[in-house]
Amino acid sequence: INWIKSFFLCFRKQRVKLNGFFSEWNDVI
């Protein structure tokens, strides 16, 4: 479970680019 958590699911971030501007980074939940 800890391996799956570390490798696949947790600590992932995302942001959006729109018209050349980036949003803040957010956690992928």
Full PDB file with SEQRES, HELIX, SHEET, SSBOND, CRYST1, ORIGX, SCALE, CONECT and MASTER records, all heavy atoms in Angstrom:
SEQRES   1 A   29  ILE ASN TRP ILE LYS SER PHE PHE LEU CYS PHE ARG LYS          
SEQRES   2 A   29  GLN ARG VAL LYS LEU ASN GLY PHE PHE SER GLU TRP ASN          
SEQRES   3 A   29  ASP VAL ILE                                                  
HELIX    1 AA1 ASN A    2  ILE A    4  1                                   3    
HELIX    2 AA2 LYS A    5  LEU A    9  3                                   5    
SHEET    1 AA1 2 LYS A  13  GLN A  14  0                                        
SHEET    2 AA1 2 ASN A  26  ASP A  27 -1                                        
SHEET    1 AA2 2 LYS A  17  LEU A  18  0                                        
SHEET    2 AA2 2 PHE A  21  PHE A  22 -1                                        
CRYST1    1.000    1.000    1.000  90.00  90.00  90.00 P 1           1          
ORIGX1      1.000000  0.000000  0.000000        0.00000                         
ORIGX2      0.000000  1.000000  0.000000        0.00000                         
ORIGX3      0.000000  0.000000  1.000000        0.00000                         
SCALE1      1.000000  0.000000  0.000000        0.00000                         
SCALE2      0.000000  1.000000  0.000000        0.00000                         
SCALE3      0.000000  0.000000  1.000000        0.00000                         
ATOM      1  N   ILE A   1       0.841  -1.203   0.000  1.00  0.00           N  
ATOM      2  CA  ILE A   1       0.000   0.000   0.000  1.00  0.00           C  
ATOM      3  C   ILE A   1       0.871   1.247   0.000  1.00  0.00           C  
ATOM      4  O   ILE A   1       0.616   2.194  -0.756  1.00  0.00           O  
ATOM      5  CB  ILE A   1      -0.974  -0.012   1.201  1.00  0.00           C  
ATOM      6  CG1 ILE A   1      -2.008  -1.121   1.033  1.00  0.00           C  
ATOM      7  CG2 ILE A   1      -1.667   1.351   1.335  1.00  0.00           C  
ATOM      8  CD1 ILE A   1      -2.935  -1.309   2.222  1.00  0.00           C  
ATOM      9  N   ASN A   2       1.901   1.267   0.812  1.00  0.00           N  
ATOM     10  CA  ASN A   2       2.804   2.421   0.843  1.00  0.00           C  
ATOM     11  C   ASN A   2       3.526   2.600  -0.488  1.00  0.00           C  
ATOM     12  O   ASN A   2       3.742   3.729  -0.947  1.00  0.00           O  
ATOM     13  CB  ASN A   2       3.816   2.289   1.982  1.00  0.00           C  
ATOM     14  CG  ASN A   2       3.189   2.593   3.322  1.00  0.00           C  
ATOM     15  OD1 ASN A   2       2.229   3.349   3.417  1.00  0.00           O  
ATOM     16  ND2 ASN A   2       3.734   1.997   4.362  1.00  0.00           N  
ATOM     17  N   TRP A   3       3.891   1.506  -1.135  1.00  0.00           N  
ATOM     18  CA  TRP A   3       4.535   1.582  -2.442  1.00  0.00           C  
ATOM     19  C   TRP A   3       3.576   2.171  -3.471  1.00  0.00           C  
ATOM     20  O   TRP A   3       3.950   3.052  -4.249  1.00  0.00           O  
ATOM     21  CB  TRP A   3       5.021   0.199  -2.872  1.00  0.00           C  
ATOM     22  CG  TRP A   3       5.680   0.200  -4.206  1.00  0.00           C  
ATOM     23  CD1 TRP A   3       6.956   0.575  -4.487  1.00  0.00           C  
ATOM     24  CD2 TRP A   3       5.076  -0.174  -5.443  1.00  0.00           C  
ATOM     25  NE1 TRP A   3       7.193   0.448  -5.834  1.00  0.00           N  
ATOM     26  CE2 TRP A   3       6.061  -0.010  -6.445  1.00  0.00           C  
ATOM     27  CE3 TRP A   3       3.811  -0.640  -5.801  1.00  0.00           C  
ATOM     28  CZ2 TRP A   3       5.804  -0.282  -7.774  1.00  0.00           C  
ATOM     29  CZ3 TRP A   3       3.556  -0.918  -7.136  1.00  0.00           C  
ATOM     30  CH2 TRP A   3       4.546  -0.740  -8.104  1.00  0.00           C  
ATOM     31  N   ILE A   4       2.344   1.689  -3.477  1.00  0.00           N  
ATOM     32  CA  ILE A   4       1.327   2.214  -4.402  1.00  0.00           C  
ATOM     33  C   ILE A   4       1.112   3.693  -4.146  1.00  0.00           C  
ATOM     34  O   ILE A   4       1.040   4.503  -5.072  1.00  0.00           O  
ATOM     35  CB  ILE A   4       0.008   1.419  -4.263  1.00  0.00           C  
ATOM     36  CG1 ILE A   4       0.181   0.005  -4.815  1.00  0.00           C  
ATOM     37  CG2 ILE A   4      -1.135   2.142  -4.973  1.00  0.00           C  
ATOM     38  CD1 ILE A   4      -0.971  -0.925  -4.485  1.00  0.00           C  
ATOM     39  N   LYS A   5       1.010   4.046  -2.881  1.00  0.00           N  
ATOM     40  CA  LYS A   5       0.809   5.448  -2.501  1.00  0.00           C  
ATOM     41  C   LYS A   5       1.951   6.317  -3.022  1.00  0.00           C  
ATOM     42  O   LYS A   5       1.718   7.354  -3.644  1.00  0.00           O  
ATOM     43  CB  LYS A   5       0.711   5.552  -0.980  1.00  0.00           C  
ATOM     44  CG  LYS A   5       0.532   6.938  -0.464  1.00  0.00           C  
ATOM     45  CD  LYS A   5       0.434   6.900   1.054  1.00  0.00           C  
ATOM     46  CE  LYS A   5       0.300   8.285   1.630  1.00  0.00           C  
ATOM     47  NZ  LYS A   5       0.197   8.255   3.098  1.00  0.00           N  
ATOM     48  N   SER A   6       3.176   5.901  -2.790  1.00  0.00           N  
ATOM     49  CA  SER A   6       4.336   6.701  -3.180  1.00  0.00           C  
ATOM     50  C   SER A   6       4.538   6.745  -4.691  1.00  0.00           C  
ATOM     51  O   SER A   6       4.843   7.791  -5.257  1.00  0.00           O  
ATOM     52  CB  SER A   6       5.601   6.137  -2.541  1.00  0.00           C  
ATOM     53  OG  SER A   6       5.530   6.237  -1.149  1.00  0.00           O  
ATOM     54  N   PHE A   7       4.370   5.608  -5.334  1.00  0.00           N  
ATOM     55  CA  PHE A   7       4.695   5.526  -6.753  1.00  0.00           C  
ATOM     56  C   PHE A   7       3.565   6.000  -7.664  1.00  0.00           C  
ATOM     57  O   PHE A   7       3.793   6.660  -8.664  1.00  0.00           O  
ATOM     58  CB  PHE A   7       5.080   4.094  -7.122  1.00  0.00           C  
ATOM     59  CG  PHE A   7       5.568   3.951  -8.530  1.00  0.00           C  
ATOM     60  CD1 PHE A   7       6.813   4.442  -8.887  1.00  0.00           C  
ATOM     61  CD2 PHE A   7       4.785   3.352  -9.490  1.00  0.00           C  
ATOM     62  CE1 PHE A   7       7.270   4.322 -10.191  1.00  0.00           C  
ATOM     63  CE2 PHE A   7       5.236   3.224 -10.795  1.00  0.00           C  
ATOM     64  CZ  PHE A   7       6.484   3.714 -11.149  1.00  0.00           C  
ATOM     65  N   PHE A   8       2.322   5.656  -7.331  1.00  0.00           N  
ATOM     66  CA  PHE A   8       1.208   5.894  -8.245  1.00  0.00           C  
ATOM     67  C   PHE A   8       0.321   7.070  -7.891  1.00  0.00           C  
ATOM     68  O   PHE A   8      -0.195   7.736  -8.769  1.00  0.00           O  
ATOM     69  CB  PHE A   8       0.301   4.654  -8.331  1.00  0.00           C  
ATOM     70  CG  PHE A   8       0.822   3.601  -9.237  1.00  0.00           C  
ATOM     71  CD1 PHE A   8       1.550   2.549  -8.740  1.00  0.00           C  
ATOM     72  CD2 PHE A   8       0.590   3.654 -10.592  1.00  0.00           C  
ATOM     73  CE1 PHE A   8       2.037   1.564  -9.572  1.00  0.00           C  
ATOM     74  CE2 PHE A   8       1.077   2.685 -11.443  1.00  0.00           C  
ATOM     75  CZ  PHE A   8       1.798   1.637 -10.925  1.00  0.00           C  
ATOM     76  N   LEU A   9       0.072   7.289  -6.614  1.00  0.00           N  
ATOM     77  CA  LEU A   9      -1.043   8.149  -6.282  1.00  0.00           C  
ATOM     78  C   LEU A   9      -0.685   9.477  -5.624  1.00  0.00           C  
ATOM     79  O   LEU A   9      -1.228  10.506  -5.994  1.00  0.00           O  
ATOM     80  CB  LEU A   9      -2.021   7.384  -5.379  1.00  0.00           C  
ATOM     81  CG  LEU A   9      -2.562   6.081  -5.967  1.00  0.00           C  
ATOM     82  CD1 LEU A   9      -3.481   5.399  -4.983  1.00  0.00           C  
ATOM     83  CD2 LEU A   9      -3.290   6.332  -7.273  1.00  0.00           C  
ATOM     84  N   CYS A  10       0.158   9.469  -4.647  1.00  0.00           N  
ATOM     85  CA  CYS A  10       0.385  10.679  -3.861  1.00  0.00           C  
ATOM     86  C   CYS A  10       1.536  11.515  -4.416  1.00  0.00           C  
ATOM     87  O   CYS A  10       2.336  11.052  -5.221  1.00  0.00           O  
ATOM     88  CB  CYS A  10       0.634  10.314  -2.410  1.00  0.00           C  
ATOM     89  SG  CYS A  10      -0.830   9.571  -1.682  1.00  0.00           S  
ATOM     90  N   PHE A  11       1.565  12.715  -3.964  1.00  0.00           N  
ATOM     91  CA  PHE A  11       2.618  13.665  -4.320  1.00  0.00           C  
ATOM     92  C   PHE A  11       2.580  14.048  -5.792  1.00  0.00           C  
ATOM     93  O   PHE A  11       3.574  14.473  -6.350  1.00  0.00           O  
ATOM     94  CB  PHE A  11       4.004  13.131  -3.924  1.00  0.00           C  
ATOM     95  CG  PHE A  11       4.036  12.532  -2.551  1.00  0.00           C  
ATOM     96  CD1 PHE A  11       4.274  11.178  -2.373  1.00  0.00           C  
ATOM     97  CD2 PHE A  11       3.776  13.308  -1.430  1.00  0.00           C  
ATOM     98  CE1 PHE A  11       4.284  10.619  -1.107  1.00  0.00           C  
ATOM     99  CE2 PHE A  11       3.790  12.753  -0.160  1.00  0.00           C  
ATOM    100  CZ  PHE A  11       4.043  11.412  -0.002  1.00  0.00           C  
ATOM    101  N   ARG A  12       1.428  13.926  -6.413  1.00  0.00           N  
ATOM    102  CA  ARG A  12       1.258  14.370  -7.794  1.00  0.00           C  
ATOM    103  C   ARG A  12       0.607  15.750  -7.777  1.00  0.00           C  
ATOM    104  O   ARG A  12      -0.257  16.031  -6.968  1.00  0.00           O  
ATOM    105  CB  ARG A  12       0.392  13.390  -8.586  1.00  0.00           C  
ATOM    106  CG  ARG A  12       1.066  12.050  -8.786  1.00  0.00           C  
ATOM    107  CD  ARG A  12       0.204  11.133  -9.639  1.00  0.00           C  
ATOM    108  NE  ARG A  12       0.880   9.881  -9.868  1.00  0.00           N  
ATOM    109  CZ  ARG A  12       1.612   9.619 -10.945  1.00  0.00           C  
ATOM    110  NH1 ARG A  12       1.743  10.522 -11.882  1.00  0.00           N  
ATOM    111  NH2 ARG A  12       2.201   8.455 -11.078  1.00  0.00           N  
ATOM    112  N   LYS A  13       1.037  16.584  -8.691  1.00  0.00           N  
ATOM    113  CA  LYS A  13       0.527  17.956  -8.790  1.00  0.00           C  
ATOM    114  C   LYS A  13       0.070  18.204 -10.219  1.00  0.00           C  
ATOM    115  O   LYS A  13       0.507  17.538 -11.160  1.00  0.00           O  
ATOM    116  CB  LYS A  13       1.629  18.957  -8.427  1.00  0.00           C  
ATOM    117  CG  LYS A  13       2.233  18.782  -7.052  1.00  0.00           C  
ATOM    118  CD  LYS A  13       1.607  19.725  -6.110  1.00  0.00           C  
ATOM    119  CE  LYS A  13       2.303  19.644  -4.758  1.00  0.00           C  
ATOM    120  NZ  LYS A  13       1.499  20.188  -3.730  1.00  0.00           N  
ATOM    121  N   GLN A  14      -0.798  19.196 -10.355  1.00  0.00           N  
ATOM    122  CA  GLN A  14      -1.232  19.590 -11.686  1.00  0.00           C  
ATOM    123  C   GLN A  14      -1.494  21.088 -11.708  1.00  0.00           C  
ATOM    124  O   GLN A  14      -1.736  21.700 -10.676  1.00  0.00           O  
ATOM    125  CB  GLN A  14      -2.493  18.841 -12.108  1.00  0.00           C  
ATOM    126  CG  GLN A  14      -3.729  19.214 -11.321  1.00  0.00           C  
ATOM    127  CD  GLN A  14      -4.951  18.429 -11.786  1.00  0.00           C  
ATOM    128  OE1 GLN A  14      -4.868  17.501 -12.567  1.00  0.00           O  
ATOM    129  NE2 GLN A  14      -6.106  18.811 -11.277  1.00  0.00           N  
ATOM    130  N   ARG A  15      -1.426  21.651 -12.905  1.00  0.00           N  
ATOM    131  CA  ARG A  15      -1.800  23.051 -13.100  1.00  0.00           C  
ATOM    132  C   ARG A  15      -2.321  23.201 -14.512  1.00  0.00           C  
ATOM    133  O   ARG A  15      -2.148  22.323 -15.356  1.00  0.00           O  
ATOM    134  CB  ARG A  15      -0.641  24.000 -12.817  1.00  0.00           C  
ATOM    135  CG  ARG A  15       0.502  23.913 -13.788  1.00  0.00           C  
ATOM    136  CD  ARG A  15       1.580  24.890 -13.414  1.00  0.00           C  
ATOM    137  NE  ARG A  15       2.706  24.778 -14.337  1.00  0.00           N  
ATOM    138  CZ  ARG A  15       3.706  25.615 -14.346  1.00  0.00           C  
ATOM    139  NH1 ARG A  15       3.736  26.606 -13.485  1.00  0.00           N  
ATOM    140  NH2 ARG A  15       4.684  25.456 -15.209  1.00  0.00           N  
ATOM    141  N   VAL A  16      -2.944  24.309 -14.779  1.00  0.00           N  
ATOM    142  CA  VAL A  16      -3.586  24.558 -16.067  1.00  0.00           C  
ATOM    143  C   VAL A  16      -2.923  25.759 -16.728  1.00  0.00           C  
ATOM    144  O   VAL A  16      -2.604  26.747 -16.062  1.00  0.00           O  
ATOM    145  CB  VAL A  16      -5.097  24.834 -15.872  1.00  0.00           C  
ATOM    146  CG1 VAL A  16      -5.763  25.183 -17.189  1.00  0.00           C  
ATOM    147  CG2 VAL A  16      -5.771  23.644 -15.228  1.00  0.00           C  
ATOM    148  N   LYS A  17      -2.724  25.660 -18.029  1.00  0.00           N  
ATOM    149  CA  LYS A  17      -2.216  26.792 -18.804  1.00  0.00           C  
ATOM    150  C   LYS A  17      -3.341  27.286 -19.702  1.00  0.00           C  
ATOM    151  O   LYS A  17      -3.937  26.520 -20.458  1.00  0.00           O  
ATOM    152  CB  LYS A  17      -1.021  26.363 -19.649  1.00  0.00           C  
ATOM    153  CG  LYS A  17      -0.436  27.497 -20.465  1.00  0.00           C  
ATOM    154  CD  LYS A  17       0.759  27.016 -21.283  1.00  0.00           C  
ATOM    155  CE  LYS A  17       1.326  28.147 -22.124  1.00  0.00           C  
ATOM    156  NZ  LYS A  17       2.453  27.681 -22.958  1.00  0.00           N  
ATOM    157  N   LEU A  18      -3.642  28.575 -19.585  1.00  0.00           N  
ATOM    158  CA  LEU A  18      -4.710  29.177 -20.382  1.00  0.00           C  
ATOM    159  C   LEU A  18      -4.221  30.528 -20.885  1.00  0.00           C  
ATOM    160  O   LEU A  18      -3.848  31.390 -20.074  1.00  0.00           O  
ATOM    161  CB  LEU A  18      -5.984  29.333 -19.551  1.00  0.00           C  
ATOM    162  CG  LEU A  18      -7.190  29.938 -20.251  1.00  0.00           C  
ATOM    163  CD1 LEU A  18      -7.663  29.049 -21.396  1.00  0.00           C  
ATOM    164  CD2 LEU A  18      -8.323  30.172 -19.266  1.00  0.00           C  
ATOM    165  N   ASN A  19      -4.226  30.684 -22.187  1.00  0.00           N  
ATOM    166  CA  ASN A  19      -3.769  31.933 -22.814  1.00  0.00           C  
ATOM    167  C   ASN A  19      -2.379  32.347 -22.341  1.00  0.00           C  
ATOM    168  O   ASN A  19      -2.111  33.517 -22.067  1.00  0.00           O  
ATOM    169  CB  ASN A  19      -4.771  33.065 -22.555  1.00  0.00           C  
ATOM    170  CG  ASN A  19      -6.110  32.811 -23.208  1.00  0.00           C  
ATOM    171  OD1 ASN A  19      -6.188  32.179 -24.266  1.00  0.00           O  
ATOM    172  ND2 ASN A  19      -7.172  33.262 -22.582  1.00  0.00           N  
ATOM    173  N   GLY A  20      -1.503  31.372 -22.186  1.00  0.00           N  
ATOM    174  CA  GLY A  20      -0.132  31.661 -21.814  1.00  0.00           C  
ATOM    175  C   GLY A  20       0.105  31.841 -20.325  1.00  0.00           C  
ATOM    176  O   GLY A  20       1.228  32.071 -19.894  1.00  0.00           O  
ATOM    177  N   PHE A  21      -0.940  31.775 -19.515  1.00  0.00           N  
ATOM    178  CA  PHE A  21      -0.810  31.943 -18.069  1.00  0.00           C  
ATOM    179  C   PHE A  21      -1.057  30.614 -17.363  1.00  0.00           C  
ATOM    180  O   PHE A  21      -1.933  29.845 -17.759  1.00  0.00           O  
ATOM    181  CB  PHE A  21      -1.803  32.998 -17.546  1.00  0.00           C  
ATOM    182  CG  PHE A  21      -1.537  34.371 -18.078  1.00  0.00           C  
ATOM    183  CD1 PHE A  21      -2.214  34.834 -19.196  1.00  0.00           C  
ATOM    184  CD2 PHE A  21      -0.599  35.188 -17.474  1.00  0.00           C  
ATOM    185  CE1 PHE A  21      -1.971  36.100 -19.701  1.00  0.00           C  
ATOM    186  CE2 PHE A  21      -0.344  36.451 -17.976  1.00  0.00           C  
ATOM    187  CZ  PHE A  21      -1.026  36.914 -19.091  1.00  0.00           C  
ATOM    188  N   PHE A  22      -0.301  30.375 -16.304  1.00  0.00           N  
ATOM    189  CA  PHE A  22      -0.420  29.144 -15.539  1.00  0.00           C  
ATOM    190  C   PHE A  22      -1.182  29.381 -14.242  1.00  0.00           C  
ATOM    191  O   PHE A  22      -1.001  30.407 -13.582  1.00  0.00           O  
ATOM    192  CB  PHE A  22       0.963  28.569 -15.191  1.00  0.00           C  
ATOM    193  CG  PHE A  22       1.685  28.006 -16.372  1.00  0.00           C  
ATOM    194  CD1 PHE A  22       2.612  28.758 -17.069  1.00  0.00           C  
ATOM    195  CD2 PHE A  22       1.429  26.701 -16.792  1.00  0.00           C  
ATOM    196  CE1 PHE A  22       3.290  28.235 -18.157  1.00  0.00           C  
ATOM    197  CE2 PHE A  22       2.101  26.169 -17.881  1.00  0.00           C  
ATOM    198  CZ  PHE A  22       3.027  26.937 -18.561  1.00  0.00           C  
ATOM    199  N   SER A  23      -1.994  28.403 -13.872  1.00  0.00           N  
ATOM    200  CA  SER A  23      -2.656  28.437 -12.570  1.00  0.00           C  
ATOM    201  C   SER A  23      -1.664  28.014 -11.493  1.00  0.00           C  
ATOM    202  O   SER A  23      -0.543  27.604 -11.794  1.00  0.00           O  
ATOM    203  CB  SER A  23      -3.861  27.482 -12.561  1.00  0.00           C  
ATOM    204  OG  SER A  23      -3.400  26.139 -12.625  1.00  0.00           O  
ATOM    205  N   GLU A  24      -2.081  28.092 -10.258  1.00  0.00           N  
ATOM    206  CA  GLU A  24      -1.273  27.581  -9.147  1.00  0.00           C  
ATOM    207  C   GLU A  24      -1.223  26.058  -9.235  1.00  0.00           C  
ATOM    208  O   GLU A  24      -2.127  25.418  -9.770  1.00  0.00           O  
ATOM    209  CB  GLU A  24      -1.904  27.985  -7.804  1.00  0.00           C  
ATOM    210  CG  GLU A  24      -1.940  29.473  -7.556  1.00  0.00           C  
ATOM    211  CD  GLU A  24      -0.562  30.065  -7.358  1.00  0.00           C  
ATOM    212  OE1 GLU A  24       0.289  29.386  -6.738  1.00  0.00           O  
ATOM    213  OE2 GLU A  24      -0.334  31.190  -7.833  1.00  0.00           O  
ATOM    214  N   TRP A  25      -0.170  25.459  -8.698  1.00  0.00           N  
ATOM    215  CA  TRP A  25      -0.089  24.005  -8.613  1.00  0.00           C  
ATOM    216  C   TRP A  25      -1.067  23.504  -7.563  1.00  0.00           C  
ATOM    217  O   TRP A  25      -1.209  24.104  -6.509  1.00  0.00           O  
ATOM    218  CB  TRP A  25       1.327  23.565  -8.218  1.00  0.00           C  
ATOM    219  CG  TRP A  25       2.307  23.690  -9.342  1.00  0.00           C  
ATOM    220  CD1 TRP A  25       3.200  24.704  -9.540  1.00  0.00           C  
ATOM    221  CD2 TRP A  25       2.496  22.780 -10.415  1.00  0.00           C  
ATOM    222  NE1 TRP A  25       3.941  24.478 -10.671  1.00  0.00           N  
ATOM    223  CE2 TRP A  25       3.536  23.304 -11.232  1.00  0.00           C  
ATOM    224  CE3 TRP A  25       1.904  21.578 -10.775  1.00  0.00           C  
ATOM    225  CZ2 TRP A  25       3.985  22.659 -12.373  1.00  0.00           C  
ATOM    226  CZ3 TRP A  25       2.362  20.944 -11.918  1.00  0.00           C  
ATOM    227  CH2 TRP A  25       3.375  21.479 -12.698  1.00  0.00           C  
ATOM    228  N   ASN A  26      -1.777  22.417  -7.869  1.00  0.00           N  
ATOM    229  CA  ASN A  26      -2.725  21.801  -6.939  1.00  0.00           C  
ATOM    230  C   ASN A  26      -2.451  20.305  -6.846  1.00  0.00           C  
ATOM    231  O   ASN A  26      -2.007  19.679  -7.809  1.00  0.00           O  
ATOM    232  CB  ASN A  26      -4.173  22.015  -7.402  1.00  0.00           C  
ATOM    233  CG  ASN A  26      -4.611  23.446  -7.225  1.00  0.00           C  
ATOM    234  OD1 ASN A  26      -4.646  23.935  -6.115  1.00  0.00           O  
ATOM    235  ND2 ASN A  26      -4.913  24.114  -8.323  1.00  0.00           N  
ATOM    236  N   ASP A  27      -2.762  19.749  -5.679  1.00  0.00           N  
ATOM    237  CA  ASP A  27      -2.618  18.307  -5.489  1.00  0.00           C  
ATOM    238  C   ASP A  27      -3.652  17.563  -6.313  1.00  0.00           C  
ATOM    239  O   ASP A  27      -4.794  18.004  -6.443  1.00  0.00           O  
ATOM    240  CB  ASP A  27      -2.818  17.928  -4.011  1.00  0.00           C  
ATOM    241  CG  ASP A  27      -1.717  18.456  -3.123  1.00  0.00           C  
ATOM    242  OD1 ASP A  27      -0.575  18.581  -3.599  1.00  0.00           O  
ATOM    243  OD2 ASP A  27      -2.002  18.743  -1.946  1.00  0.00           O  
ATOM    244  N   VAL A  28      -3.262  16.430  -6.865  1.00  0.00           N  
ATOM    245  CA  VAL A  28      -4.184  15.543  -7.560  1.00  0.00           C  
ATOM    246  C   VAL A  28      -4.707  14.564  -6.512  1.00  0.00           C  
ATOM    247  O   VAL A  28      -3.942  13.796  -5.936  1.00  0.00           O  
ATOM    248  CB  VAL A  28      -3.477  14.780  -8.703  1.00  0.00           C  
ATOM    249  CG1 VAL A  28      -4.430  13.792  -9.358  1.00  0.00           C  
ATOM    250  CG2 VAL A  28      -2.926  15.759  -9.723  1.00  0.00           C  
ATOM    251  N   ILE A  29      -6.017  14.612  -6.229  1.00  0.00           N  
ATOM    252  CA  ILE A  29      -6.584  13.791  -5.151  1.00  0.00           C  
ATOM    253  C   ILE A  29      -7.425  12.631  -5.664  1.00  0.00           C  
ATOM    254  O   ILE A  29      -7.946  11.840  -4.871  1.00  0.00           O  
ATOM    255  CB  ILE A  29      -7.418  14.651  -4.185  1.00  0.00           C  
ATOM    256  CG1 ILE A  29      -8.563  15.337  -4.926  1.00  0.00           C  
ATOM    257  CG2 ILE A  29      -6.535  15.673  -3.475  1.00  0.00           C  
ATOM    258  CD1 ILE A  29      -9.558  16.020  -4.028  1.00  0.00           C  
TER     259      ILE A  29                                                      
MASTER        0    0    0    2    4    0    0    6  258    1    0    3          
END                                                                             
